[in-house]
């Protein structure tokens, strides 16, 4: 069995920035306590639990504006997925200390959308309806509409200026294909496909190696959209069987002896330690598939 590590791997720049910002806040005795986080800093359960262990209070399961209703003092962290201006304004009005860990690419999308709205555009946003990045974008204006392959475009007004942009963790091939579909309905639509570079290059690596692999293991949290897109690109674009596993425990019931050349890729919020543990076990023919890592290993 050959194990091929597909590069790039490891945390993207946005995740590294977010983790460093929070670690610095935890170590700073002058930061107002308690420290709250609006949702998961990134979509990786191991990283999130590591911060819980360090005392961060993580709020989940509600829109961010509703989460803020539960916070009356201390510090609030905006996650890498970004928040709307309304969330920022509410936090300021409540007198909370703010730590903004929004990814630079997400901020770039927000800036583009705000600029185009001022120019009179209506915005179509290609993204996942329940994703925090989508929530943050849609909260910018009521002239932003979430769209996907199931959207009934007869219900969308045909304006003279329409921009299609997207969630940063989508499949860039799907974005281009989706744009062509919309253009048939709205010829004037413009595209600014803002898939982040970390997402794009990982997807490209799968396609570049598709002829040399008979299985791809995608290491990532099931909630991570960029990880799910890697599995989708492998199966639908490269026609390779793909497994999405959160860590080494996900391989316990998989018969890997059926495959000769296995590619390993990972989502942009997957710690290197998890990937390396999987690769070392496979190369050493260690089929115990029980993780020996500690949560602290994920955010060092």
C-alpha atoms as a PDB file:
ATOM      1  CA  UNK A   1       0.000   0.000   0.000  1.00  0.00           C
ATOM      2  CA  UNK A   2       1.375   3.410  -1.022  1.00  0.00           C
ATOM      3  CA  UNK A   3       0.420   6.464   1.025  1.00  0.00           C
ATOM      4  CA  UNK A   4       0.553   9.768  -0.866  1.00  0.00           C
ATOM      5  CA  UNK A   5       0.266  12.997   1.066  1.00  0.00           C
ATOM      6  CA  UNK A   6      -1.449  15.629  -1.062  1.00  0.00           C
ATOM      7  CA  UNK A   7      -0.151  19.138  -0.484  1.00  0.00           C
ATOM      8  CA  UNK A   8      -0.897  21.741   0.741  1.00  0.00           C
ATOM      9  CA  UNK A   9      -1.870  20.582   4.221  1.00  0.00           C
ATOM     10  CA  UNK A  10      -2.121  22.078   7.679  1.00  0.00           C
ATOM     11  CA  UNK A  11      -3.960  25.114   8.970  1.00  0.00           C
ATOM     12  CA  UNK A  12      -4.620  27.861   6.451  1.00  0.00           C
ATOM     13  CA  UNK A  13      -3.451  31.405   7.248  1.00  0.00           C
ATOM     14  CA  UNK A  14      -6.901  32.389   8.507  1.00  0.00           C
ATOM     15  CA  UNK A  15      -7.022  29.547  11.026  1.00  0.00           C
ATOM     16  CA  UNK A  16      -3.445  30.199  12.189  1.00  0.00           C
ATOM     17  CA  UNK A  17      -4.335  33.866  12.713  1.00  0.00           C
ATOM     18  CA  UNK A  18      -7.494  33.002  14.670  1.00  0.00           C
ATOM     19  CA  UNK A  19      -5.731  30.487  16.938  1.00  0.00           C
ATOM     20  CA  UNK A  20      -2.848  32.871  17.628  1.00  0.00           C
ATOM     21  CA  UNK A  21      -5.237  35.715  18.459  1.00  0.00           C
ATOM     22  CA  UNK A  22      -7.144  33.602  20.968  1.00  0.00           C
ATOM     23  CA  UNK A  23      -4.064  32.066  22.579  1.00  0.00           C
ATOM     24  CA  UNK A  24      -2.681  35.575  23.056  1.00  0.00           C
ATOM     25  CA  UNK A  25      -5.951  36.709  24.668  1.00  0.00           C
ATOM     26  CA  UNK A  26      -5.991  33.725  27.019  1.00  0.00           C
ATOM     27  CA  UNK A  27      -2.454  34.533  28.168  1.00  0.00           C
ATOM     28  CA  UNK A  28      -3.212  38.247  28.649  1.00  0.00           C
ATOM     29  CA  UNK A  29      -4.325  38.867  32.237  1.00  0.00           C
ATOM     30  CA  UNK A  30      -5.658  42.295  31.219  1.00  0.00           C
ATOM     31  CA  UNK A  31      -8.283  40.872  28.863  1.00  0.00           C
ATOM     32  CA  UNK A  32     -11.746  41.189  30.417  1.00  0.00           C
ATOM     33  CA  UNK A  33     -13.189  37.914  31.698  1.00  0.00           C
ATOM     34  CA  UNK A  34     -15.167  35.847  31.033  1.00  0.00           C
ATOM     35  CA  UNK A  35     -14.204  35.267  27.403  1.00  0.00           C
ATOM     36  CA  UNK A  36     -17.035  34.145  25.122  1.00  0.00           C
ATOM     37  CA  UNK A  37     -16.898  32.862  21.556  1.00  0.00           C
ATOM     38  CA  UNK A  38     -19.817  33.292  19.126  1.00  0.00           C
ATOM     39  CA  UNK A  39     -19.887  29.792  17.650  1.00  0.00           C
ATOM     40  CA  UNK A  40     -16.899  27.579  16.872  1.00  0.00           C
ATOM     41  CA  UNK A  41     -13.692  29.444  16.077  1.00  0.00           C
ATOM     42  CA  UNK A  42     -13.244  27.071  13.131  1.00  0.00           C
ATOM     43  CA  UNK A  43     -15.134  23.948  12.174  1.00  0.00           C
ATOM     44  CA  UNK A  44     -12.962  21.422  13.941  1.00  0.00           C
ATOM     45  CA  UNK A  45     -14.227  19.772  17.108  1.00  0.00           C
ATOM     46  CA  UNK A  46     -10.739  19.052  18.408  1.00  0.00           C
ATOM     47  CA  UNK A  47      -9.616  22.668  18.132  1.00  0.00           C
ATOM     48  CA  UNK A  48     -12.844  23.895  19.721  1.00  0.00           C
ATOM     49  CA  UNK A  49     -12.536  21.487  22.656  1.00  0.00           C
ATOM     50  CA  UNK A  50      -8.945  22.569  23.219  1.00  0.00           C
ATOM     51  CA  UNK A  51     -10.143  26.131  23.732  1.00  0.00           C
ATOM     52  CA  UNK A  52     -12.962  24.974  25.995  1.00  0.00           C
ATOM     53  CA  UNK A  53     -10.332  23.278  28.114  1.00  0.00           C
ATOM     54  CA  UNK A  54      -8.568  26.646  28.359  1.00  0.00           C
ATOM     55  CA  UNK A  55     -11.676  28.313  29.765  1.00  0.00           C
ATOM     56  CA  UNK A  56     -13.308  29.859  26.674  1.00  0.00           C
ATOM     57  CA  UNK A  57     -17.127  29.840  26.882  1.00  0.00           C
ATOM     58  CA  UNK A  58     -18.410  28.784  23.461  1.00  0.00           C
ATOM     59  CA  UNK A  59     -21.995  29.639  22.524  1.00  0.00           C
ATOM     60  CA  UNK A  60     -23.710  27.554  19.859  1.00  0.00           C
ATOM     61  CA  UNK A  61     -27.037  26.718  18.241  1.00  0.00           C
ATOM     62  CA  UNK A  62     -28.394  30.240  17.727  1.00  0.00           C
ATOM     63  CA  UNK A  63     -27.916  33.220  15.402  1.00  0.00           C
ATOM     64  CA  UNK A  64     -25.083  35.432  16.595  1.00  0.00           C
ATOM     65  CA  UNK A  65     -27.385  38.296  17.572  1.00  0.00           C
ATOM     66  CA  UNK A  66     -29.266  35.914  19.870  1.00  0.00           C
ATOM     67  CA  UNK A  67     -25.989  34.631  21.318  1.00  0.00           C
ATOM     68  CA  UNK A  68     -25.087  38.194  22.284  1.00  0.00           C
ATOM     69  CA  UNK A  69     -28.227  38.369  24.431  1.00  0.00           C
ATOM     70  CA  UNK A  70     -26.554  35.847  26.759  1.00  0.00           C
ATOM     71  CA  UNK A  71     -23.460  38.023  27.266  1.00  0.00           C
ATOM     72  CA  UNK A  72     -23.508  40.985  29.634  1.00  0.00           C
ATOM     73  CA  UNK A  73     -19.842  41.443  30.473  1.00  0.00           C
ATOM     74  CA  UNK A  74     -16.346  40.428  29.525  1.00  0.00           C
ATOM     75  CA  UNK A  75     -14.948  39.700  26.077  1.00  0.00           C
ATOM     76  CA  UNK A  76     -16.576  38.335  22.937  1.00  0.00           C
ATOM     77  CA  UNK A  77     -14.683  36.619  20.122  1.00  0.00           C
ATOM     78  CA  UNK A  78     -15.915  36.807  16.531  1.00  0.00           C
ATOM     79  CA  UNK A  79     -14.905  33.582  14.792  1.00  0.00           C
ATOM     80  CA  UNK A  80     -12.988  33.154  11.536  1.00  0.00           C
ATOM     81  CA  UNK A  81     -16.307  32.915   9.658  1.00  0.00           C
ATOM     82  CA  UNK A  82     -17.116  36.584  10.230  1.00  0.00           C
ATOM     83  CA  UNK A  83     -20.198  38.409  11.501  1.00  0.00           C
ATOM     84  CA  UNK A  84     -22.537  41.077  10.174  1.00  0.00           C
ATOM     85  CA  UNK A  85     -22.228  44.756  11.050  1.00  0.00           C
ATOM     86  CA  UNK A  86     -25.354  44.399  13.192  1.00  0.00           C
ATOM     87  CA  UNK A  87     -23.550  41.897  15.440  1.00  0.00           C
ATOM     88  CA  UNK A  88     -20.553  44.202  15.789  1.00  0.00           C
ATOM     89  CA  UNK A  89     -22.779  47.171  16.633  1.00  0.00           C
ATOM     90  CA  UNK A  90     -24.718  45.166  19.237  1.00  0.00           C
ATOM     91  CA  UNK A  91     -21.499  44.047  20.941  1.00  0.00           C
ATOM     92  CA  UNK A  92     -20.209  47.625  21.045  1.00  0.00           C
ATOM     93  CA  UNK A  93     -23.525  48.904  22.436  1.00  0.00           C
ATOM     94  CA  UNK A  94     -23.349  46.305  25.215  1.00  0.00           C
ATOM     95  CA  UNK A  95     -19.893  47.557  26.183  1.00  0.00           C
ATOM     96  CA  UNK A  96     -18.175  44.239  25.483  1.00  0.00           C
ATOM     97  CA  UNK A  97     -14.499  43.908  24.724  1.00  0.00           C
ATOM     98  CA  UNK A  98     -14.246  42.582  21.145  1.00  0.00           C
ATOM     99  CA  UNK A  99     -11.668  40.216  19.663  1.00  0.00           C
ATOM    100  CA  UNK A 100     -12.181  39.891  15.913  1.00  0.00           C
ATOM    101  CA  UNK A 101     -10.662  36.682  14.500  1.00  0.00           C
ATOM    102  CA  UNK A 102     -12.421  36.968  11.120  1.00  0.00           C
ATOM    103  CA  UNK A 103     -10.475  35.429   8.228  1.00  0.00           C
ATOM    104  CA  UNK A 104      -8.957  37.988   5.853  1.00  0.00           C
ATOM    105  CA  UNK A 105     -10.641  36.317   2.873  1.00  0.00           C
ATOM    106  CA  UNK A 106     -14.050  36.578   4.533  1.00  0.00           C
ATOM    107  CA  UNK A 107     -13.456  40.260   5.265  1.00  0.00           C
ATOM    108  CA  UNK A 108     -12.545  40.696   1.605  1.00  0.00           C
ATOM    109  CA  UNK A 109     -15.899  39.217   0.537  1.00  0.00           C
ATOM    110  CA  UNK A 110     -17.718  41.555   2.938  1.00  0.00           C
ATOM    111  CA  UNK A 111     -15.857  44.558   1.519  1.00  0.00           C
ATOM    112  CA  UNK A 112     -16.687  43.577  -2.077  1.00  0.00           C
ATOM    113  CA  UNK A 113     -20.361  43.112  -1.259  1.00  0.00           C
ATOM    114  CA  UNK A 114     -20.621  46.449   0.568  1.00  0.00           C
ATOM    115  CA  UNK A 115     -18.945  48.236  -2.338  1.00  0.00           C
ATOM    116  CA  UNK A 116     -21.240  46.626  -4.911  1.00  0.00           C
ATOM    117  CA  UNK A 117     -24.328  47.385  -2.836  1.00  0.00           C
ATOM    118  CA  UNK A 118     -23.343  51.060  -2.866  1.00  0.00           C
ATOM    119  CA  UNK A 119     -23.041  50.858  -6.644  1.00  0.00           C
ATOM    120  CA  UNK A 120     -26.649  49.651  -6.861  1.00  0.00           C
ATOM    121  CA  UNK A 121     -26.085  45.912  -7.309  1.00  0.00           C
ATOM    122  CA  UNK A 122     -28.281  43.179  -5.926  1.00  0.00           C
ATOM    123  CA  UNK A 123     -26.211  40.288  -4.581  1.00  0.00           C
ATOM    124  CA  UNK A 124     -26.666  36.557  -5.118  1.00  0.00           C
ATOM    125  CA  UNK A 125     -24.621  34.644  -2.563  1.00  0.00           C
ATOM    126  CA  UNK A 126     -23.765  31.036  -3.408  1.00  0.00           C
ATOM    127  CA  UNK A 127     -23.339  29.391  -0.022  1.00  0.00           C
ATOM    128  CA  UNK A 128     -24.696  26.998   2.571  1.00  0.00           C
ATOM    129  CA  UNK A 129     -27.851  28.422   4.234  1.00  0.00           C
ATOM    130  CA  UNK A 130     -26.981  27.383   7.804  1.00  0.00           C
ATOM    131  CA  UNK A 131     -23.274  28.169   7.652  1.00  0.00           C
ATOM    132  CA  UNK A 132     -21.962  30.967   9.920  1.00  0.00           C
ATOM    133  CA  UNK A 133     -20.145  32.631   7.020  1.00  0.00           C
ATOM    134  CA  UNK A 134     -23.433  32.825   5.120  1.00  0.00           C
ATOM    135  CA  UNK A 135     -25.193  34.214   8.195  1.00  0.00           C
ATOM    136  CA  UNK A 136     -22.615  36.967   8.448  1.00  0.00           C
ATOM    137  CA  UNK A 137     -22.929  37.905   4.767  1.00  0.00           C
ATOM    138  CA  UNK A 138     -26.727  37.860   4.570  1.00  0.00           C
ATOM    139  CA  UNK A 139     -26.881  40.060   7.655  1.00  0.00           C
ATOM    140  CA  UNK A 140     -25.167  42.858   5.715  1.00  0.00           C
ATOM    141  CA  UNK A 141     -28.244  43.786   3.651  1.00  0.00           C
ATOM    142  CA  UNK A 142     -31.746  42.703   2.656  1.00  0.00           C
ATOM    143  CA  UNK A 143     -30.583  42.941  -0.969  1.00  0.00           C
ATOM    144  CA  UNK A 144     -28.526  39.762  -0.570  1.00  0.00           C
ATOM    145  CA  UNK A 145     -30.157  36.459  -1.557  1.00  0.00           C
ATOM    146  CA  UNK A 146     -28.765  33.001  -0.753  1.00  0.00           C
ATOM    147  CA  UNK A 147     -28.795  30.802  -3.852  1.00  0.00           C
ATOM    148  CA  UNK A 148     -27.857  27.230  -4.728  1.00  0.00           C
ATOM    149  CA  UNK A 149     -28.691  24.568  -7.311  1.00  0.00           C
ATOM    150  CA  UNK A 150     -32.245  24.237  -5.948  1.00  0.00           C
ATOM    151  CA  UNK A 151     -33.115  27.938  -6.153  1.00  0.00           C
ATOM    152  CA  UNK A 152     -36.202  28.895  -8.180  1.00  0.00           C
ATOM    153  CA  UNK A 153     -34.848  31.834 -10.133  1.00  0.00           C
ATOM    154  CA  UNK A 154     -38.319  32.792 -11.274  1.00  0.00           C
ATOM    155  CA  UNK A 155     -38.767  34.136  -7.755  1.00  0.00           C
ATOM    156  CA  UNK A 156     -35.755  36.459  -8.084  1.00  0.00           C
ATOM    157  CA  UNK A 157     -36.298  39.927  -9.522  1.00  0.00           C
ATOM    158  CA  UNK A 158     -34.400  40.634 -12.709  1.00  0.00           C
ATOM    159  CA  UNK A 159     -32.416  43.736 -11.823  1.00  0.00           C
ATOM    160  CA  UNK A 160     -30.053  45.599 -14.131  1.00  0.00           C
ATOM    161  CA  UNK A 161     -27.087  45.048 -11.811  1.00  0.00           C
ATOM    162  CA  UNK A 162     -26.576  41.588 -10.302  1.00  0.00           C
ATOM    163  CA  UNK A 163     -23.437  40.191  -8.717  1.00  0.00           C
ATOM    164  CA  UNK A 164     -22.830  36.519  -7.916  1.00  0.00           C
ATOM    165  CA  UNK A 165     -20.267  35.851  -5.212  1.00  0.00           C
ATOM    166  CA  UNK A 166     -19.747  32.887  -2.931  1.00  0.00           C
ATOM    167  CA  UNK A 167     -18.819  31.382   0.397  1.00  0.00           C
ATOM    168  CA  UNK A 168     -15.033  31.103   0.582  1.00  0.00           C
ATOM    169  CA  UNK A 169     -15.081  27.334   1.187  1.00  0.00           C
ATOM    170  CA  UNK A 170     -17.140  26.223  -1.829  1.00  0.00           C
ATOM    171  CA  UNK A 171     -15.843  24.117  -4.718  1.00  0.00           C
ATOM    172  CA  UNK A 172     -14.424  26.564  -7.246  1.00  0.00           C
ATOM    173  CA  UNK A 173     -15.507  24.222 -10.067  1.00  0.00           C
ATOM    174  CA  UNK A 174     -19.076  24.297  -8.761  1.00  0.00           C
ATOM    175  CA  UNK A 175     -18.965  28.085  -8.551  1.00  0.00           C
ATOM    176  CA  UNK A 176     -18.024  28.406 -12.222  1.00  0.00           C
ATOM    177  CA  UNK A 177     -20.629  25.841 -13.270  1.00  0.00           C
ATOM    178  CA  UNK A 178     -23.295  27.553 -11.177  1.00  0.00           C
ATOM    179  CA  UNK A 179     -22.408  30.915 -12.709  1.00  0.00           C
ATOM    180  CA  UNK A 180     -23.034  29.527 -16.191  1.00  0.00           C
ATOM    181  CA  UNK A 181     -26.490  28.341 -15.110  1.00  0.00           C
ATOM    182  CA  UNK A 182     -27.393  31.724 -13.686  1.00  0.00           C
ATOM    183  CA  UNK A 183     -26.022  33.598 -16.688  1.00  0.00           C
ATOM    184  CA  UNK A 184     -28.491  31.739 -18.905  1.00  0.00           C
ATOM    185  CA  UNK A 185     -31.274  33.265 -16.797  1.00  0.00           C
ATOM    186  CA  UNK A 186     -29.661  36.656 -16.071  1.00  0.00           C
ATOM    187  CA  UNK A 187     -27.191  37.518 -18.879  1.00  0.00           C
ATOM    188  CA  UNK A 188     -26.050  40.655 -17.047  1.00  0.00           C
ATOM    189  CA  UNK A 189     -24.885  38.809 -13.936  1.00  0.00           C
ATOM    190  CA  UNK A 190     -21.267  39.382 -12.921  1.00  0.00           C
ATOM    191  CA  UNK A 191     -19.117  36.850 -11.079  1.00  0.00           C
ATOM    192  CA  UNK A 192     -16.640  37.423  -8.305  1.00  0.00           C
ATOM    193  CA  UNK A 193     -15.824  33.871  -7.241  1.00  0.00           C
ATOM    194  CA  UNK A 194     -14.065  34.380  -3.937  1.00  0.00           C
ATOM    195  CA  UNK A 195     -13.087  30.802  -3.054  1.00  0.00           C
ATOM    196  CA  UNK A 196     -10.067  31.164  -0.773  1.00  0.00           C
ATOM    197  CA  UNK A 197      -6.678  30.037  -2.042  1.00  0.00           C
ATOM    198  CA  UNK A 198      -6.280  27.329   0.634  1.00  0.00           C
ATOM    199  CA  UNK A 199      -9.562  25.741  -0.471  1.00  0.00           C
ATOM    200  CA  UNK A 200      -8.823  26.080  -4.177  1.00  0.00           C
ATOM    201  CA  UNK A 201      -5.312  24.603  -4.070  1.00  0.00           C
ATOM    202  CA  UNK A 202      -6.397  21.579  -2.028  1.00  0.00           C
ATOM    203  CA  UNK A 203      -9.164  20.847  -4.492  1.00  0.00           C
ATOM    204  CA  UNK A 204      -6.734  21.276  -7.408  1.00  0.00           C
ATOM    205  CA  UNK A 205      -4.296  18.818  -5.810  1.00  0.00           C
ATOM    206  CA  UNK A 206      -6.969  16.120  -5.869  1.00  0.00           C
ATOM    207  CA  UNK A 207      -7.627  16.653  -9.567  1.00  0.00           C
ATOM    208  CA  UNK A 208      -3.916  16.711 -10.387  1.00  0.00           C
ATOM    209  CA  UNK A 209      -3.385  13.318  -8.716  1.00  0.00           C
ATOM    210  CA  UNK A 210      -6.635  11.611  -9.689  1.00  0.00           C
ATOM    211  CA  UNK A 211      -5.033   9.152 -12.134  1.00  0.00           C
ATOM    212  CA  UNK A 212      -2.609   7.852  -9.511  1.00  0.00           C
ATOM    213  CA  UNK A 213      -5.040   7.103  -6.667  1.00  0.00           C
ATOM    214  CA  UNK A 214      -7.800   4.599  -5.929  1.00  0.00           C
ATOM    215  CA  UNK A 215      -8.872   6.091  -2.578  1.00  0.00           C
ATOM    216  CA  UNK A 216      -8.672   9.493  -0.957  1.00  0.00           C
ATOM    217  CA  UNK A 217      -8.925  10.024   2.793  1.00  0.00           C
ATOM    218  CA  UNK A 218     -10.086  13.527   3.633  1.00  0.00           C
ATOM    219  CA  UNK A 219      -9.209  14.416   7.210  1.00  0.00           C
ATOM    220  CA  UNK A 220     -11.607  17.001   8.573  1.00  0.00           C
ATOM    221  CA  UNK A 221     -14.556  17.736  10.800  1.00  0.00           C
ATOM    222  CA  UNK A 222     -17.957  16.729   9.318  1.00  0.00           C
ATOM    223  CA  UNK A 223     -19.108  20.326   9.982  1.00  0.00           C
ATOM    224  CA  UNK A 224     -16.250  21.786   7.946  1.00  0.00           C
ATOM    225  CA  UNK A 225     -17.581  22.856   4.553  1.00  0.00           C
ATOM    226  CA  UNK A 226     -14.138  23.023   2.951  1.00  0.00           C
ATOM    227  CA  UNK A 227     -13.501  19.430   4.099  1.00  0.00           C
ATOM    228  CA  UNK A 228     -16.832  18.255   2.695  1.00  0.00           C
ATOM    229  CA  UNK A 229     -16.012  20.016  -0.583  1.00  0.00           C
ATOM    230  CA  UNK A 230     -12.754  18.047  -0.799  1.00  0.00           C
ATOM    231  CA  UNK A 231     -14.718  14.803  -0.520  1.00  0.00           C
ATOM    232  CA  UNK A 232     -17.194  16.047  -3.105  1.00  0.00           C
ATOM    233  CA  UNK A 233     -14.469  17.071  -5.563  1.00  0.00           C
ATOM    234  CA  UNK A 234     -12.807  13.666  -5.194  1.00  0.00           C
ATOM    235  CA  UNK A 235     -16.000  11.716  -5.786  1.00  0.00           C
ATOM    236  CA  UNK A 236     -17.835  13.895  -8.313  1.00  0.00           C
ATOM    237  CA  UNK A 237     -15.012  15.560 -10.237  1.00  0.00           C
ATOM    238  CA  UNK A 238     -12.144  13.082  -9.951  1.00  0.00           C
ATOM    239  CA  UNK A 239     -14.293   9.911  -9.745  1.00  0.00           C
ATOM    240  CA  UNK A 240     -12.297   8.533  -6.815  1.00  0.00           C
ATOM    241  CA  UNK A 241     -13.820   6.958  -3.724  1.00  0.00           C
ATOM    242  CA  UNK A 242     -13.328   9.326  -0.790  1.00  0.00           C
ATOM    243  CA  UNK A 243     -13.680   8.932   2.975  1.00  0.00           C
ATOM    244  CA  UNK A 244     -14.198  11.903   5.285  1.00  0.00           C
ATOM    245  CA  UNK A 245     -12.812  11.116   8.730  1.00  0.00           C
ATOM    246  CA  UNK A 246     -12.446  13.423  11.716  1.00  0.00           C
ATOM    247  CA  UNK A 247      -9.393  11.610  13.057  1.00  0.00           C
ATOM    248  CA  UNK A 248      -7.784   8.180  13.124  1.00  0.00           C
ATOM    249  CA  UNK A 249     -10.776   6.672  14.932  1.00  0.00           C
ATOM    250  CA  UNK A 250     -12.790   7.066  11.743  1.00  0.00           C
ATOM    251  CA  UNK A 251     -10.745   4.340  10.049  1.00  0.00           C
ATOM    252  CA  UNK A 252     -11.519   1.572  12.569  1.00  0.00           C
ATOM    253  CA  UNK A 253     -14.082  -0.226  10.419  1.00  0.00           C
ATOM    254  CA  UNK A 254     -12.536   0.471   7.007  1.00  0.00           C
ATOM    255  CA  UNK A 255     -10.810  -2.321   5.086  1.00  0.00           C
ATOM    256  CA  UNK A 256      -7.916  -0.411   3.551  1.00  0.00           C
ATOM    257  CA  UNK A 257      -6.325  -3.564   2.136  1.00  0.00           C
ATOM    258  CA  UNK A 258      -8.649  -3.147  -0.856  1.00  0.00           C
ATOM    259  CA  UNK A 259      -6.658  -0.122  -2.030  1.00  0.00           C
ATOM    260  CA  UNK A 260      -3.151   0.144  -3.449  1.00  0.00           C
ATOM    261  CA  UNK A 261      -2.575   3.901  -3.606  1.00  0.00           C
ATOM    262  CA  UNK A 262      -4.212   6.065  -0.975  1.00  0.00           C
ATOM    263  CA  UNK A 263      -4.104   9.844  -1.064  1.00  0.00           C
ATOM    264  CA  UNK A 264      -4.348  11.841   2.170  1.00  0.00           C
ATOM    265  CA  UNK A 265      -5.671  15.385   2.125  1.00  0.00           C
ATOM    266  CA  UNK A 266      -7.127  17.574   4.859  1.00  0.00           C
ATOM    267  CA  UNK A 267      -9.401  20.524   5.458  1.00  0.00           C
ATOM    268  CA  UNK A 268      -7.937  23.952   6.166  1.00  0.00           C
ATOM    269  CA  UNK A 269      -8.956  23.723   9.836  1.00  0.00           C
ATOM    270  CA  UNK A 270      -7.472  20.258  10.437  1.00  0.00           C
ATOM    271  CA  UNK A 271      -4.430  20.143  12.751  1.00  0.00           C
ATOM    272  CA  UNK A 272      -1.243  18.638  11.307  1.00  0.00           C
ATOM    273  CA  UNK A 273      -0.997  16.346  14.333  1.00  0.00           C
ATOM    274  CA  UNK A 274      -4.154  14.465  13.325  1.00  0.00           C
ATOM    275  CA  UNK A 275      -2.991  13.948   9.734  1.00  0.00           C
ATOM    276  CA  UNK A 276       0.477  12.828  10.768  1.00  0.00           C
ATOM    277  CA  UNK A 277      -0.944  10.313  13.245  1.00  0.00           C
ATOM    278  CA  UNK A 278      -3.037   8.755  10.460  1.00  0.00           C
ATOM    279  CA  UNK A 279      -0.134   8.645   8.001  1.00  0.00           C
ATOM    280  CA  UNK A 280       2.266   7.117  10.542  1.00  0.00           C
ATOM    281  CA  UNK A 281      -0.236   4.407  11.460  1.00  0.00           C
ATOM    282  CA  UNK A 282      -0.854   3.520   7.821  1.00  0.00           C
ATOM    283  CA  UNK A 283       2.827   3.444   6.896  1.00  0.00           C
ATOM    284  CA  UNK A 284       3.690   1.316   9.929  1.00  0.00           C
ATOM    285  CA  UNK A 285       0.755  -1.049   9.285  1.00  0.00           C
ATOM    286  CA  UNK A 286      -0.594  -0.207  12.732  1.00  0.00           C
ATOM    287  CA  UNK A 287      -4.302  -0.986  12.459  1.00  0.00           C
ATOM    288  CA  UNK A 288      -5.296  -0.120  16.023  1.00  0.00           C
ATOM    289  CA  UNK A 289      -6.612   3.259  14.781  1.00  0.00           C
ATOM    290  CA  UNK A 290      -6.939   4.706  18.275  1.00  0.00           C
ATOM    291  CA  UNK A 291      -5.805   8.294  18.715  1.00  0.00           C
ATOM    292  CA  UNK A 292      -3.175   9.013  21.352  1.00  0.00           C
ATOM    293  CA  UNK A 293      -3.284  12.774  20.884  1.00  0.00           C
ATOM    294  CA  UNK A 294      -4.377  15.274  23.519  1.00  0.00           C
ATOM    295  CA  UNK A 295      -6.555  18.295  22.790  1.00  0.00           C
ATOM    296  CA  UNK A 296      -3.676  20.614  23.665  1.00  0.00           C
ATOM    297  CA  UNK A 297      -1.752  19.185  20.699  1.00  0.00           C
ATOM    298  CA  UNK A 298      -4.159  20.856  18.292  1.00  0.00           C
ATOM    299  CA  UNK A 299      -3.551  24.527  19.103  1.00  0.00           C
ATOM    300  CA  UNK A 300       0.140  24.719  19.910  1.00  0.00           C
END
